[in-house]
Amino acid sequence: MMKEFLFAKIHRATVTDANLNYVGSITIDKALLKAADIRENQKVEILNVNNGERFHTYVIEGEENSGCICLNGAAARKVQKGDIVIIVAYALLNEKEIETFSPKIVHVNSKNQIL
């Protein structure tokens, strides 16, 4: 049996932009994606600390070390520039994997630089 567990989290990132006129997704700094082992086009859940919104979208890779956290398309209506978000990815694990798996947690500062 497979069970869904936390795979990775980028914790308390600051939204740098919200682009309503872009086809939906979230653009994330490539350095953050590497650190969290999150891939382009992967489904993620966005948790907006400022307003309580929770929604899913997919990842677009942003420029490395740019600090970019940009919500695009319809998702842009759920955030404002400056909001604090938690970006979460999940994985399906079998019983054996559950015993040894540890999620990757990436903490960032207010400029979305890895702490």
Protein backbone atom coordinates (compact mmCIF):
# COMPACT_ATOMS: atom_id res chain seq x y z
CA MET A 1 0.00 0.00 0.00
CA MET A 2 1.23 3.50 -0.82
CA LYS A 3 0.69 6.41 1.55
CA GLU A 4 1.15 10.11 0.83
CA PHE A 5 3.85 11.89 2.85
CA LEU A 6 5.61 15.23 2.87
CA PHE A 7 8.43 15.07 0.31
CA ALA A 8 9.81 18.62 0.44
CA LYS A 9 9.01 22.07 1.75
CA ILE A 10 10.28 25.57 1.04
CA HIS A 11 9.38 27.26 4.30
CA ARG A 12 8.19 30.88 4.58
CA ALA A 13 9.26 32.17 1.17
CA THR A 14 8.31 35.72 0.24
CA VAL A 15 6.20 36.24 -2.91
CA THR A 16 8.21 38.48 -5.23
CA ASP A 17 5.55 38.90 -7.93
CA ALA A 18 2.06 37.88 -9.02
CA ASN A 19 1.48 37.80 -12.78
CA LEU A 20 -2.21 37.39 -13.65
CA ASN A 21 -1.60 37.50 -17.42
CA TYR A 22 0.64 34.42 -17.51
CA VAL A 23 -0.54 30.85 -18.08
CA GLY A 24 -0.86 29.47 -14.54
CA SER A 25 1.90 28.10 -12.31
CA ILE A 26 4.53 29.20 -9.79
CA THR A 27 7.99 30.32 -10.85
CA ILE A 28 10.60 29.35 -8.24
CA ASP A 29 14.31 30.20 -8.05
CA LYS A 30 16.28 27.23 -9.45
CA ALA A 31 18.57 27.20 -6.37
CA LEU A 32 15.55 26.64 -4.11
CA LEU A 33 14.24 23.88 -6.37
CA LYS A 34 17.60 22.10 -6.28
CA ALA A 35 17.81 22.36 -2.48
CA ALA A 36 14.29 20.96 -2.05
CA ASP A 37 14.65 18.38 -4.87
CA ILE A 38 11.49 19.75 -6.49
CA ARG A 39 11.34 19.47 -10.28
CA GLU A 40 9.95 21.68 -13.02
CA ASN A 41 6.32 20.78 -13.82
CA GLN A 42 5.93 19.01 -10.46
CA LYS A 43 2.66 19.57 -8.61
CA VAL A 44 3.01 21.63 -5.44
CA GLU A 45 0.66 22.97 -2.81
CA ILE A 46 0.94 26.64 -1.87
CA LEU A 47 0.01 27.69 1.67
CA ASN A 48 -0.39 31.45 2.03
CA VAL A 49 0.46 32.41 5.61
CA ASN A 50 -0.99 35.92 5.18
CA ASN A 51 -4.52 35.01 4.09
CA GLY A 52 -4.92 31.27 4.72
CA GLU A 53 -5.34 30.32 1.04
CA ARG A 54 -4.26 26.78 0.10
CA PHE A 55 -4.08 25.74 -3.53
CA HIS A 56 -2.24 23.51 -5.99
CA THR A 57 -0.28 24.46 -9.07
CA TYR A 58 2.82 23.29 -10.94
CA VAL A 59 6.41 24.53 -10.93
CA ILE A 60 8.27 26.59 -13.52
CA GLU A 61 12.01 26.95 -12.96
CA GLY A 62 13.13 30.54 -12.35
CA GLU A 63 16.55 32.12 -12.68
CA GLU A 64 19.05 30.62 -10.24
CA ASN A 65 19.81 32.77 -7.17
CA SER A 66 17.21 35.35 -8.22
CA GLY A 67 15.02 34.81 -5.15
CA CYS A 68 12.03 34.57 -7.50
CA ILE A 69 8.75 33.29 -6.08
CA CYS A 70 6.12 34.39 -8.62
CA LEU A 71 2.54 33.15 -8.76
CA ASN A 72 1.18 33.15 -12.30
CA GLY A 73 -2.25 33.05 -13.91
CA ALA A 74 -5.26 32.31 -11.72
CA ALA A 75 -2.98 31.65 -8.72
CA ALA A 76 -1.94 35.31 -8.84
CA ARG A 77 -5.40 36.17 -7.43
CA LYS A 78 -4.64 34.19 -4.26
CA VAL A 79 -1.49 36.10 -3.23
CA GLN A 80 -0.03 39.57 -3.09
CA LYS A 81 3.57 40.60 -3.55
CA GLY A 82 5.19 40.38 -0.12
CA ASP A 83 2.98 37.55 1.17
CA ILE A 84 4.71 34.70 3.02
CA VAL A 85 4.07 31.25 1.52
CA ILE A 86 5.01 27.68 2.28
CA ILE A 87 5.57 25.56 -0.83
CA VAL A 88 4.94 21.86 -0.24
CA ALA A 89 5.46 18.75 -2.37
CA TYR A 90 4.25 15.27 -1.46
CA ALA A 91 5.31 11.76 -2.48
CA LEU A 92 3.70 8.34 -2.42
CA LEU A 93 5.81 5.98 -0.32
CA ASN A 94 5.52 2.27 0.34
CA GLU A 95 5.90 0.82 3.85
CA LYS A 96 9.63 0.14 3.41
CA GLU A 97 10.35 3.67 2.12
CA ILE A 98 8.40 5.22 5.00
CA GLU A 99 10.83 3.72 7.53
CA THR A 100 13.88 5.57 6.18
CA PHE A 101 12.56 8.58 4.27
CA SER A 102 13.18 12.12 5.51
CA PRO A 103 11.64 15.13 3.76
CA LYS A 104 13.81 18.00 2.55
CA ILE A 105 13.00 21.20 4.40
CA VAL A 106 14.46 24.41 2.98
CA HIS A 107 14.32 27.48 5.22
CA VAL A 108 14.75 30.87 3.57
CA ASN A 109 15.19 34.47 4.70
CA SER A 110 13.07 37.44 3.57
CA LYS A 111 15.02 37.59 0.29
CA ASN A 112 14.38 33.90 -0.41
CA GLN A 113 18.00 32.99 0.21
CA ILE A 114 18.65 29.60 1.81
CA LEU A 115 19.49 29.83 5.50
